[in-house]
Amino acid sequence: MEFSQSLSNWRRLILPVLLGSAAGYAYYYFIGCVSGTCPITSNPWISTGYGALMGYLVSSSFRRKPDVSVNSQEEQIKKL
């Protein structure tokens, strides 16, 4: 059970990073800057890394936070 849950968590992390990398490279390939004055799009490594970072940031913004109920908060306050 733990292994399948761990694998699922990795998929949720790796898939958006790979998609972001592909999008970053596609942006370099189709729209990129030929003159070299554009810092992100003039180098395929930088645009791919930037796309991977954006994929990670977007995917991490949709993660669910643990549900903390009001009762558990009240119990923790009573323990203090």
PDB file of N, CA and C in Angstrom:
ATOM      1  N   MET A   1       0.817  -1.192   0.000  1.00  0.00           N
ATOM      2  CA  MET A   1       0.000   0.000   0.000  1.00  0.00           C
ATOM      3  C   MET A   1       0.865   1.262   0.000  1.00  0.00           C
ATOM      4  N   GLU A   2       1.911   1.266   0.829  1.00  0.00           N
ATOM      5  CA  GLU A   2       2.770   2.439   0.898  1.00  0.00           C
ATOM      6  C   GLU A   2       3.524   2.653  -0.415  1.00  0.00           C
ATOM      7  N   PHE A   3       3.951   1.554  -1.037  1.00  0.00           N
ATOM      8  CA  PHE A   3       4.702   1.673  -2.288  1.00  0.00           C
ATOM      9  C   PHE A   3       3.846   2.284  -3.384  1.00  0.00           C
ATOM     10  N   SER A   4       2.605   1.846  -3.507  1.00  0.00           N
ATOM     11  CA  SER A   4       1.743   2.390  -4.561  1.00  0.00           C
ATOM     12  C   SER A   4       1.402   3.849  -4.284  1.00  0.00           C
ATOM     13  N   GLN A   5       1.272   4.201  -3.016  1.00  0.00           N
ATOM     14  CA  GLN A   5       0.997   5.598  -2.673  1.00  0.00           C
ATOM     15  C   GLN A   5       2.230   6.462  -2.958  1.00  0.00           C
ATOM     16  N   SER A   6       3.401   5.934  -2.652  1.00  0.00           N
ATOM     17  CA  SER A   6       4.646   6.648  -2.924  1.00  0.00           C
ATOM     18  C   SER A   6       4.846   6.830  -4.428  1.00  0.00           C
ATOM     19  N   LEU A   7       4.562   5.793  -5.194  1.00  0.00           N
ATOM     20  CA  LEU A   7       4.679   5.865  -6.650  1.00  0.00           C
ATOM     21  C   LEU A   7       3.713   6.899  -7.216  1.00  0.00           C
ATOM     22  N   SER A   8       2.520   6.947  -6.674  1.00  0.00           N
ATOM     23  CA  SER A   8       1.536   7.921  -7.121  1.00  0.00           C
ATOM     24  C   SER A   8       2.007   9.344  -6.833  1.00  0.00           C
ATOM     25  N   ASN A   9       2.632   9.548  -5.676  1.00  0.00           N
ATOM     26  CA  ASN A   9       3.152  10.877  -5.349  1.00  0.00           C
ATOM     27  C   ASN A   9       4.265  11.284  -6.296  1.00  0.00           C
ATOM     28  N   TRP A  10       5.130  10.342  -6.671  1.00  0.00           N
ATOM     29  CA  TRP A  10       6.202  10.645  -7.614  1.00  0.00           C
ATOM     30  C   TRP A  10       5.653  10.984  -8.987  1.00  0.00           C
ATOM     31  N   ARG A  11       4.603  10.277  -9.396  1.00  0.00           N
ATOM     32  CA  ARG A  11       3.997  10.578 -10.702  1.00  0.00           C
ATOM     33  C   ARG A  11       3.428  11.980 -10.715  1.00  0.00           C
ATOM     34  N   ARG A  12       2.842  12.377  -9.604  1.00  0.00           N
ATOM     35  CA  ARG A  12       2.277  13.723  -9.529  1.00  0.00           C
ATOM     36  C   ARG A  12       3.354  14.788  -9.565  1.00  0.00           C
ATOM     37  N   LEU A  13       4.566  14.426  -9.232  1.00  0.00           N
ATOM     38  CA  LEU A  13       5.665  15.376  -9.274  1.00  0.00           C
ATOM     39  C   LEU A  13       6.390  15.337 -10.616  1.00  0.00           C
ATOM     40  N   ILE A  14       6.670  14.147 -11.118  1.00  0.00           N
ATOM     41  CA  ILE A  14       7.494  13.994 -12.319  1.00  0.00           C
ATOM     42  C   ILE A  14       6.743  14.393 -13.587  1.00  0.00           C
ATOM     43  N   LEU A  15       5.500  14.008 -13.707  1.00  0.00           N
ATOM     44  CA  LEU A  15       4.753  14.290 -14.935  1.00  0.00           C
ATOM     45  C   LEU A  15       4.662  15.788 -15.241  1.00  0.00           C
ATOM     46  N   PRO A  16       4.280  16.645 -14.293  1.00  0.00           N
ATOM     47  CA  PRO A  16       4.252  18.086 -14.620  1.00  0.00           C
ATOM     48  C   PRO A  16       5.629  18.663 -14.933  1.00  0.00           C
ATOM     49  N   VAL A  17       6.677  18.142 -14.290  1.00  0.00           N
ATOM     50  CA  VAL A  17       8.029  18.628 -14.572  1.00  0.00           C
ATOM     51  C   VAL A  17       8.430  18.246 -15.997  1.00  0.00           C
ATOM     52  N   LEU A  18       8.118  17.016 -16.411  1.00  0.00           N
ATOM     53  CA  LEU A  18       8.426  16.594 -17.779  1.00  0.00           C
ATOM     54  C   LEU A  18       7.625  17.382 -18.812  1.00  0.00           C
ATOM     55  N   LEU A  19       6.362  17.613 -18.516  1.00  0.00           N
ATOM     56  CA  LEU A  19       5.538  18.406 -19.440  1.00  0.00           C
ATOM     57  C   LEU A  19       6.041  19.847 -19.520  1.00  0.00           C
ATOM     58  N   GLY A  20       6.441  20.411 -18.384  1.00  0.00           N
ATOM     59  CA  GLY A  20       6.995  21.757 -18.377  1.00  0.00           C
ATOM     60  C   GLY A  20       8.303  21.830 -19.152  1.00  0.00           C
ATOM     61  N   SER A  21       9.133  20.792 -19.008  1.00  0.00           N
ATOM     62  CA  SER A  21      10.391  20.745 -19.762  1.00  0.00           C
ATOM     63  C   SER A  21      10.124  20.709 -21.259  1.00  0.00           C
ATOM     64  N   ALA A  22       9.180  19.871 -21.661  1.00  0.00           N
ATOM     65  CA  ALA A  22       8.829  19.783 -23.088  1.00  0.00           C
ATOM     66  C   ALA A  22       8.280  21.117 -23.589  1.00  0.00           C
ATOM     67  N   ALA A  23       7.466  21.768 -22.784  1.00  0.00           N
ATOM     68  CA  ALA A  23       6.912  23.062 -23.189  1.00  0.00           C
ATOM     69  C   ALA A  23       8.014  24.120 -23.279  1.00  0.00           C
ATOM     70  N   GLY A  24       8.967  24.086 -22.357  1.00  0.00           N
ATOM     71  CA  GLY A  24      10.081  25.032 -22.402  1.00  0.00           C
ATOM     72  C   GLY A  24      10.931  24.838 -23.636  1.00  0.00           C
ATOM     73  N   TYR A  25      11.216  23.584 -23.969  1.00  0.00           N
ATOM     74  CA  TYR A  25      12.003  23.326 -25.177  1.00  0.00           C
ATOM     75  C   TYR A  25      11.213  23.701 -26.432  1.00  0.00           C
ATOM     76  N   ALA A  26       9.919  23.408 -26.440  1.00  0.00           N
ATOM     77  CA  ALA A  26       9.089  23.777 -27.595  1.00  0.00           C
ATOM     78  C   ALA A  26       9.053  25.293 -27.766  1.00  0.00           C
ATOM     79  N   TYR A  27       9.025  26.012 -26.652  1.00  0.00           N
ATOM     80  CA  TYR A  27       9.050  27.474 -26.725  1.00  0.00           C
ATOM     81  C   TYR A  27      10.367  27.950 -27.332  1.00  0.00           C
ATOM     82  N   TYR A  28      11.468  27.331 -26.919  1.00  0.00           N
ATOM     83  CA  TYR A  28      12.772  27.672 -27.507  1.00  0.00           C
ATOM     84  C   TYR A  28      12.790  27.358 -28.999  1.00  0.00           C
ATOM     85  N   TYR A  29      12.300  26.191 -29.364  1.00  0.00           N
ATOM     86  CA  TYR A  29      12.382  25.726 -30.749  1.00  0.00           C
ATOM     87  C   TYR A  29      11.517  26.563 -31.688  1.00  0.00           C
ATOM     88  N   PHE A  30      10.283  26.843 -31.275  1.00  0.00           N
ATOM     89  CA  PHE A  30       9.351  27.510 -32.182  1.00  0.00           C
ATOM     90  C   PHE A  30       9.385  29.037 -32.071  1.00  0.00           C
ATOM     91  N   ILE A  31       9.658  29.571 -30.890  1.00  0.00           N
ATOM     92  CA  ILE A  31       9.569  31.014 -30.687  1.00  0.00           C
ATOM     93  C   ILE A  31      10.923  31.623 -30.352  1.00  0.00           C
ATOM     94  N   GLY A  32      11.881  30.826 -29.943  1.00  0.00           N
ATOM     95  CA  GLY A  32      13.172  31.277 -29.424  1.00  0.00           C
ATOM     96  C   GLY A  32      13.799  32.478 -30.092  1.00  0.00           C
ATOM     97  N   CYS A  33      14.757  33.039 -29.420  1.00  0.00           N
ATOM     98  CA  CYS A  33      15.437  34.256 -29.852  1.00  0.00           C
ATOM     99  C   CYS A  33      16.721  33.874 -30.596  1.00  0.00           C
ATOM    100  N   VAL A  34      16.864  34.311 -31.826  1.00  0.00           N
ATOM    101  CA  VAL A  34      18.015  33.962 -32.647  1.00  0.00           C
ATOM    102  C   VAL A  34      19.219  34.834 -32.309  1.00  0.00           C
ATOM    103  N   SER A  35      18.992  36.078 -31.962  1.00  0.00           N
ATOM    104  CA  SER A  35      20.098  37.017 -31.754  1.00  0.00           C
ATOM    105  C   SER A  35      20.873  36.745 -30.473  1.00  0.00           C
ATOM    106  N   GLY A  36      20.299  36.035 -29.526  1.00  0.00           N
ATOM    107  CA  GLY A  36      20.989  35.738 -28.279  1.00  0.00           C
ATOM    108  C   GLY A  36      20.788  36.783 -27.204  1.00  0.00           C
ATOM    109  N   THR A  37      19.961  37.780 -27.461  1.00  0.00           N
ATOM    110  CA  THR A  37      19.738  38.829 -26.467  1.00  0.00           C
ATOM    111  C   THR A  37      18.659  38.475 -25.463  1.00  0.00           C
ATOM    112  N   CYS A  38      17.893  37.450 -25.736  1.00  0.00           N
ATOM    113  CA  CYS A  38      16.843  37.021 -24.817  1.00  0.00           C
ATOM    114  C   CYS A  38      17.430  35.977 -23.867  1.00  0.00           C
ATOM    115  N   PRO A  39      17.507  36.255 -22.566  1.00  0.00           N
ATOM    116  CA  PRO A  39      18.214  35.344 -21.667  1.00  0.00           C
ATOM    117  C   PRO A  39      17.561  33.970 -21.506  1.00  0.00           C
ATOM    118  N   ILE A  40      16.270  33.882 -21.593  1.00  0.00           N
ATOM    119  CA  ILE A  40      15.614  32.590 -21.373  1.00  0.00           C
ATOM    120  C   ILE A  40      15.499  31.798 -22.663  1.00  0.00           C
ATOM    121  N   THR A  41      15.130  32.436 -23.740  1.00  0.00           N
ATOM    122  CA  THR A  41      14.823  31.694 -24.967  1.00  0.00           C
ATOM    123  C   THR A  41      16.006  31.538 -25.916  1.00  0.00           C
ATOM    124  N   SER A  42      17.158  32.105 -25.600  1.00  0.00           N
ATOM    125  CA  SER A  42      18.291  31.967 -26.515  1.00  0.00           C
ATOM    126  C   SER A  42      19.063  30.671 -26.303  1.00  0.00           C
ATOM    127  N   ASN A  43      18.857  29.996 -25.183  1.00  0.00           N
ATOM    128  CA  ASN A  43      19.587  28.765 -24.862  1.00  0.00           C
ATOM    129  C   ASN A  43      18.577  27.651 -24.570  1.00  0.00           C
ATOM    130  N   PRO A  44      18.660  26.510 -25.247  1.00  0.00           N
ATOM    131  CA  PRO A  44      17.669  25.450 -25.013  1.00  0.00           C
ATOM    132  C   PRO A  44      17.734  24.875 -23.600  1.00  0.00           C
ATOM    133  N   TRP A  45      18.911  24.846 -22.992  1.00  0.00           N
ATOM    134  CA  TRP A  45      19.027  24.314 -21.630  1.00  0.00           C
ATOM    135  C   TRP A  45      18.306  25.210 -20.626  1.00  0.00           C
ATOM    136  N   ILE A  46      18.450  26.499 -20.796  1.00  0.00           N
ATOM    137  CA  ILE A  46      17.816  27.433 -19.869  1.00  0.00           C
ATOM    138  C   ILE A  46      16.300  27.413 -20.044  1.00  0.00           C
ATOM    139  N   SER A  47      15.828  27.406 -21.272  1.00  0.00           N
ATOM    140  CA  SER A  47      14.380  27.404 -21.489  1.00  0.00           C
ATOM    141  C   SER A  47      13.755  26.086 -21.028  1.00  0.00           C
ATOM    142  N   THR A  48      14.468  24.975 -21.191  1.00  0.00           N
ATOM    143  CA  THR A  48      13.958  23.682 -20.716  1.00  0.00           C
ATOM    144  C   THR A  48      13.923  23.654 -19.195  1.00  0.00           C
ATOM    145  N   GLY A  49      14.969  24.148 -18.555  1.00  0.00           N
ATOM    146  CA  GLY A  49      14.991  24.206 -17.093  1.00  0.00           C
ATOM    147  C   GLY A  49      13.934  25.139 -16.548  1.00  0.00           C
ATOM    148  N   TYR A  50      13.743  26.273 -17.202  1.00  0.00           N
ATOM    149  CA  TYR A  50      12.708  27.214 -16.788  1.00  0.00           C
ATOM    150  C   TYR A  50      11.322  26.584 -16.929  1.00  0.00           C
ATOM    151  N   GLY A  51      11.093  25.860 -17.997  1.00  0.00           N
ATOM    152  CA  GLY A  51       9.815  25.168 -18.179  1.00  0.00           C
ATOM    153  C   GLY A  51       9.596  24.102 -17.119  1.00  0.00           C
ATOM    154  N   ALA A  52      10.671  23.367 -16.762  1.00  0.00           N
ATOM    155  CA  ALA A  52      10.560  22.357 -15.711  1.00  0.00           C
ATOM    156  C   ALA A  52      10.220  23.006 -14.372  1.00  0.00           C
ATOM    157  N   LEU A  53      10.861  24.127 -14.082  1.00  0.00           N
ATOM    158  CA  LEU A  53      10.572  24.843 -12.840  1.00  0.00           C
ATOM    159  C   LEU A  53       9.123  25.325 -12.814  1.00  0.00           C
ATOM    160  N   MET A  54       8.651  25.850 -13.921  1.00  0.00           N
ATOM    161  CA  MET A  54       7.266  26.305 -13.990  1.00  0.00           C
ATOM    162  C   MET A  54       6.290  25.131 -13.835  1.00  0.00           C
ATOM    163  N   GLY A  55       6.623  23.990 -14.426  1.00  0.00           N
ATOM    164  CA  GLY A  55       5.780  22.809 -14.270  1.00  0.00           C
ATOM    165  C   GLY A  55       5.698  22.364 -12.830  1.00  0.00           C
ATOM    166  N   TYR A  56       6.832  22.390 -12.133  1.00  0.00           N
ATOM    167  CA  TYR A  56       6.840  22.018 -10.720  1.00  0.00           C
ATOM    168  C   TYR A  56       6.028  23.003  -9.880  1.00  0.00           C
ATOM    169  N   LEU A  57       6.221  24.299 -10.123  1.00  0.00           N
ATOM    170  CA  LEU A  57       5.511  25.300  -9.335  1.00  0.00           C
ATOM    171  C   LEU A  57       4.003  25.237  -9.558  1.00  0.00           C
ATOM    172  N   VAL A  58       3.601  25.011 -10.785  1.00  0.00           N
ATOM    173  CA  VAL A  58       2.165  24.903 -11.063  1.00  0.00           C
ATOM    174  C   VAL A  58       1.588  23.650 -10.405  1.00  0.00           C
ATOM    175  N   SER A  59       2.305  22.540 -10.486  1.00  0.00           N
ATOM    176  CA  SER A  59       1.784  21.304  -9.891  1.00  0.00           C
ATOM    177  C   SER A  59       1.755  21.386  -8.370  1.00  0.00           C
ATOM    178  N   SER A  60       2.729  22.055  -7.772  1.00  0.00           N
ATOM    179  CA  SER A  60       2.740  22.144  -6.313  1.00  0.00           C
ATOM    180  C   SER A  60       1.667  23.093  -5.801  1.00  0.00           C
ATOM    181  N   SER A  61       1.182  23.983  -6.639  1.00  0.00           N
ATOM    182  CA  SER A  61       0.118  24.888  -6.190  1.00  0.00           C
ATOM    183  C   SER A  61      -1.229  24.184  -6.125  1.00  0.00           C
ATOM    184  N   PHE A  62      -1.369  23.027  -6.761  1.00  0.00           N
ATOM    185  CA  PHE A  62      -2.630  22.297  -6.740  1.00  0.00           C
ATOM    186  C   PHE A  62      -2.653  21.153  -5.733  1.00  0.00           C
ATOM    187  N   ARG A  63      -1.607  20.986  -4.963  1.00  0.00           N
ATOM    188  CA  ARG A  63      -1.583  19.896  -3.990  1.00  0.00           C
ATOM    189  C   ARG A  63      -2.530  20.170  -2.846  1.00  0.00           C
ATOM    190  N   ARG A  64      -3.120  19.110  -2.349  1.00  0.00           N
ATOM    191  CA  ARG A  64      -4.040  19.241  -1.224  1.00  0.00           C
ATOM    192  C   ARG A  64      -3.257  19.326   0.073  1.00  0.00           C
ATOM    193  N   LYS A  65      -3.739  20.186   0.921  1.00  0.00           N
ATOM    194  CA  LYS A  65      -3.144  20.305   2.238  1.00  0.00           C
ATOM    195  C   LYS A  65      -3.885  19.370   3.187  1.00  0.00           C
ATOM    196  N   PRO A  66      -3.217  18.873   4.219  1.00  0.00           N
ATOM    197  CA  PRO A  66      -3.902  17.974   5.151  1.00  0.00           C
ATOM    198  C   PRO A  66      -5.092  18.669   5.801  1.00  0.00           C
ATOM    199  N   ASP A  67      -6.175  17.939   5.923  1.00  0.00           N
ATOM    200  CA  ASP A  67      -7.386  18.483   6.510  1.00  0.00           C
ATOM    201  C   ASP A  67      -7.262  18.472   8.031  1.00  0.00           C
ATOM    202  N   VAL A  68      -7.317  19.637   8.619  1.00  0.00           N
ATOM    203  CA  VAL A  68      -7.249  19.751  10.075  1.00  0.00           C
ATOM    204  C   VAL A  68      -8.618  20.189  10.551  1.00  0.00           C
ATOM    205  N   SER A  69      -9.244  19.336  11.327  1.00  0.00           N
ATOM    206  CA  SER A  69     -10.589  19.657  11.794  1.00  0.00           C
ATOM    207  C   SER A  69     -10.528  20.588  13.002  1.00  0.00           C
ATOM    208  N   VAL A  70     -11.635  21.224  13.272  1.00  0.00           N
ATOM    209  CA  VAL A  70     -11.722  22.154  14.393  1.00  0.00           C
ATOM    210  C   VAL A  70     -11.577  21.402  15.708  1.00  0.00           C
ATOM    211  N   ASN A  71     -12.114  20.185  15.778  1.00  0.00           N
ATOM    212  CA  ASN A  71     -12.035  19.410  17.012  1.00  0.00           C
ATOM    213  C   ASN A  71     -10.598  19.080  17.377  1.00  0.00           C
ATOM    214  N   SER A  72      -9.781  18.721  16.410  1.00  0.00           N
ATOM    215  CA  SER A  72      -8.397  18.382  16.713  1.00  0.00           C
ATOM    216  C   SER A  72      -7.622  19.616  17.160  1.00  0.00           C
ATOM    217  N   GLN A  73      -7.964  20.780  16.617  1.00  0.00           N
ATOM    218  CA  GLN A  73      -7.316  22.011  17.063  1.00  0.00           C
ATOM    219  C   GLN A  73      -7.698  22.327  18.500  1.00  0.00           C
ATOM    220  N   GLU A  74      -8.966  22.121  18.846  1.00  0.00           N
ATOM    221  CA  GLU A  74      -9.412  22.374  20.216  1.00  0.00           C
ATOM    222  C   GLU A  74      -8.745  21.411  21.188  1.00  0.00           C
ATOM    223  N   GLU A  75      -8.561  20.157  20.782  1.00  0.00           N
ATOM    224  CA  GLU A  75      -7.902  19.180  21.643  1.00  0.00           C
ATOM    225  C   GLU A  75      -6.439  19.555  21.879  1.00  0.00           C
ATOM    226  N   GLN A  76      -5.783  20.074  20.847  1.00  0.00           N
ATOM    227  CA  GLN A  76      -4.395  20.480  21.011  1.00  0.00           C
ATOM    228  C   GLN A  76      -4.285  21.677  21.947  1.00  0.00           C
ATOM    229  N   ILE A  77      -5.251  22.571  21.887  1.00  0.00           N
ATOM    230  CA  ILE A  77      -5.237  23.730  22.786  1.00  0.00           C
ATOM    231  C   ILE A  77      -5.467  23.284  24.226  1.00  0.00           C
ATOM    232  N   LYS A  78      -6.342  22.311  24.447  1.00  0.00           N
ATOM    233  CA  LYS A  78      -6.619  21.810  25.787  1.00  0.00           C
ATOM    234  C   LYS A  78      -5.393  21.136  26.389  1.00  0.00           C
ATOM    235  N   LYS A  79      -4.583  20.497  25.552  1.00  0.00           N
ATOM    236  CA  LYS A  79      -3.373  19.833  26.051  1.00  0.00           C
ATOM    237  C   LYS A  79      -2.354  20.824  26.568  1.00  0.00           C
ATOM    238  N   LEU A  80      -2.382  22.030  26.022  1.00  0.00           N
ATOM    239  CA  LEU A  80      -1.427  23.045  26.460  1.00  0.00           C
ATOM    240  C   LEU A  80      -1.836  23.532  27.816  1.00  0.00           C
TER     241      LEU A  80
END
